[in-house]
């Protein structure tokens, strides 16, 4: 999955491990895509945005509440990945 996508808009509070920390408030929740579209076979997460392939596929049809739920999962995934160093 190496599609060229525009980078996600920056958020106010960066995560200490890297990347946005929290789901943006308001309507029109932006994608967490960072244009680094590579799936990690071990974790099943994209190496750029830490979403699963199912979350990526469903994103465009997902309600804002569902998108915010995915955003809430991302910091823990990033931290887990950073601890494993891969």
C-alpha atoms as a PDB file:
ATOM      1  CA  UNK A   1       0.000   0.000   0.000  1.00  0.00           C
ATOM      2  CA  UNK A   2       2.286   2.750  -1.265  1.00  0.00           C
ATOM      3  CA  UNK A   3      -0.281   5.268  -2.469  1.00  0.00           C
ATOM      4  CA  UNK A   4       0.753   8.895  -2.468  1.00  0.00           C
ATOM      5  CA  UNK A   5      -1.590  10.677  -0.083  1.00  0.00           C
ATOM      6  CA  UNK A   6      -1.414  14.222   1.283  1.00  0.00           C
ATOM      7  CA  UNK A   7      -0.157  14.472   4.866  1.00  0.00           C
ATOM      8  CA  UNK A   8      -2.678  14.757   7.664  1.00  0.00           C
ATOM      9  CA  UNK A   9      -3.126  18.243   9.150  1.00  0.00           C
ATOM     10  CA  UNK A  10      -1.060  18.900  12.292  1.00  0.00           C
ATOM     11  CA  UNK A  11      -2.753  18.685  15.679  1.00  0.00           C
ATOM     12  CA  UNK A  12      -2.222  20.861  18.719  1.00  0.00           C
ATOM     13  CA  UNK A  13      -0.782  18.314  21.161  1.00  0.00           C
ATOM     14  CA  UNK A  14       2.013  16.054  19.919  1.00  0.00           C
ATOM     15  CA  UNK A  15       2.485  12.582  21.363  1.00  0.00           C
ATOM     16  CA  UNK A  16       5.853  12.120  23.158  1.00  0.00           C
ATOM     17  CA  UNK A  17       6.603   9.077  20.990  1.00  0.00           C
ATOM     18  CA  UNK A  18       5.805  10.945  17.803  1.00  0.00           C
ATOM     19  CA  UNK A  19       2.684  11.789  15.910  1.00  0.00           C
ATOM     20  CA  UNK A  20      -0.599  13.314  17.026  1.00  0.00           C
ATOM     21  CA  UNK A  21      -1.777  12.406  20.506  1.00  0.00           C
ATOM     22  CA  UNK A  22      -5.527  12.724  20.436  1.00  0.00           C
ATOM     23  CA  UNK A  23      -8.519  12.705  18.165  1.00  0.00           C
ATOM     24  CA  UNK A  24      -9.381  16.157  16.897  1.00  0.00           C
ATOM     25  CA  UNK A  25     -12.626  17.570  18.206  1.00  0.00           C
ATOM     26  CA  UNK A  26     -15.447  18.705  15.974  1.00  0.00           C
ATOM     27  CA  UNK A  27     -16.965  17.433  12.760  1.00  0.00           C
ATOM     28  CA  UNK A  28     -14.906  16.178   9.857  1.00  0.00           C
ATOM     29  CA  UNK A  29     -12.346  14.134  11.766  1.00  0.00           C
ATOM     30  CA  UNK A  30      -9.152  14.090   9.669  1.00  0.00           C
ATOM     31  CA  UNK A  31      -7.323  10.943   8.744  1.00  0.00           C
ATOM     32  CA  UNK A  32      -4.256  10.097  10.837  1.00  0.00           C
ATOM     33  CA  UNK A  33      -2.439   9.142   7.604  1.00  0.00           C
ATOM     34  CA  UNK A  34       1.165  10.375   7.516  1.00  0.00           C
ATOM     35  CA  UNK A  35       1.848   9.217   3.937  1.00  0.00           C
ATOM     36  CA  UNK A  36       4.066   6.398   5.201  1.00  0.00           C
ATOM     37  CA  UNK A  37       1.900   3.570   3.919  1.00  0.00           C
ATOM     38  CA  UNK A  38       3.583   0.297   4.879  1.00  0.00           C
ATOM     39  CA  UNK A  39       1.911  -2.487   6.812  1.00  0.00           C
ATOM     40  CA  UNK A  40       3.934  -4.143   9.574  1.00  0.00           C
ATOM     41  CA  UNK A  41       3.421  -7.889   9.200  1.00  0.00           C
ATOM     42  CA  UNK A  42       4.136  -8.505  12.889  1.00  0.00           C
ATOM     43  CA  UNK A  43       1.702  -5.970  14.366  1.00  0.00           C
ATOM     44  CA  UNK A  44      -0.812  -5.627  11.527  1.00  0.00           C
ATOM     45  CA  UNK A  45      -0.538  -1.831  11.815  1.00  0.00           C
ATOM     46  CA  UNK A  46       0.486   0.711   9.227  1.00  0.00           C
ATOM     47  CA  UNK A  47       3.995   1.948  10.072  1.00  0.00           C
ATOM     48  CA  UNK A  48       2.925   5.558   9.445  1.00  0.00           C
ATOM     49  CA  UNK A  49      -0.481   5.931  11.099  1.00  0.00           C
ATOM     50  CA  UNK A  50      -0.740   2.760  13.233  1.00  0.00           C
ATOM     51  CA  UNK A  51      -4.157   1.825  11.873  1.00  0.00           C
ATOM     52  CA  UNK A  52      -5.054  -1.709  10.832  1.00  0.00           C
ATOM     53  CA  UNK A  53      -5.847  -2.411   7.199  1.00  0.00           C
ATOM     54  CA  UNK A  54      -9.521  -2.814   8.137  1.00  0.00           C
ATOM     55  CA  UNK A  55      -9.519   0.630   9.818  1.00  0.00           C
ATOM     56  CA  UNK A  56      -7.839   2.180   6.773  1.00  0.00           C
ATOM     57  CA  UNK A  57     -10.320   0.591   4.366  1.00  0.00           C
ATOM     58  CA  UNK A  58     -13.345   1.602   6.472  1.00  0.00           C
ATOM     59  CA  UNK A  59     -12.149   5.153   7.221  1.00  0.00           C
ATOM     60  CA  UNK A  60     -13.951   6.974   4.397  1.00  0.00           C
ATOM     61  CA  UNK A  61     -17.310   5.452   5.375  1.00  0.00           C
ATOM     62  CA  UNK A  62     -16.795   5.546   9.144  1.00  0.00           C
ATOM     63  CA  UNK A  63     -18.855   7.927  11.287  1.00  0.00           C
ATOM     64  CA  UNK A  64     -16.917  10.630  13.159  1.00  0.00           C
ATOM     65  CA  UNK A  65     -17.417   8.810  16.479  1.00  0.00           C
ATOM     66  CA  UNK A  66     -15.809   5.704  15.004  1.00  0.00           C
ATOM     67  CA  UNK A  67     -12.918   7.769  13.657  1.00  0.00           C
ATOM     68  CA  UNK A  68     -12.366   9.309  17.076  1.00  0.00           C
ATOM     69  CA  UNK A  69     -12.348   5.823  18.604  1.00  0.00           C
ATOM     70  CA  UNK A  70      -9.593   4.794  16.187  1.00  0.00           C
ATOM     71  CA  UNK A  71      -7.643   7.971  17.030  1.00  0.00           C
ATOM     72  CA  UNK A  72      -7.857   7.054  20.741  1.00  0.00           C
ATOM     73  CA  UNK A  73      -6.169   3.701  20.024  1.00  0.00           C
ATOM     74  CA  UNK A  74      -3.206   5.150  18.141  1.00  0.00           C
ATOM     75  CA  UNK A  75      -1.025   6.546  20.970  1.00  0.00           C
ATOM     76  CA  UNK A  76      -0.955   3.174  22.776  1.00  0.00           C
ATOM     77  CA  UNK A  77      -0.097   1.410  19.529  1.00  0.00           C
ATOM     78  CA  UNK A  78       2.715   3.892  18.858  1.00  0.00           C
ATOM     79  CA  UNK A  79       4.080   3.416  22.364  1.00  0.00           C
ATOM     80  CA  UNK A  80       3.896  -0.379  22.099  1.00  0.00           C
ATOM     81  CA  UNK A  81       5.773  -0.222  18.804  1.00  0.00           C
ATOM     82  CA  UNK A  82       8.416   2.132  20.230  1.00  0.00           C
ATOM     83  CA  UNK A  83       9.024  -0.192  23.199  1.00  0.00           C
ATOM     84  CA  UNK A  84       9.569  -3.144  20.856  1.00  0.00           C
ATOM     85  CA  UNK A  85      11.894  -1.046  18.728  1.00  0.00           C
ATOM     86  CA  UNK A  86      10.601  -2.312  15.414  1.00  0.00           C
END
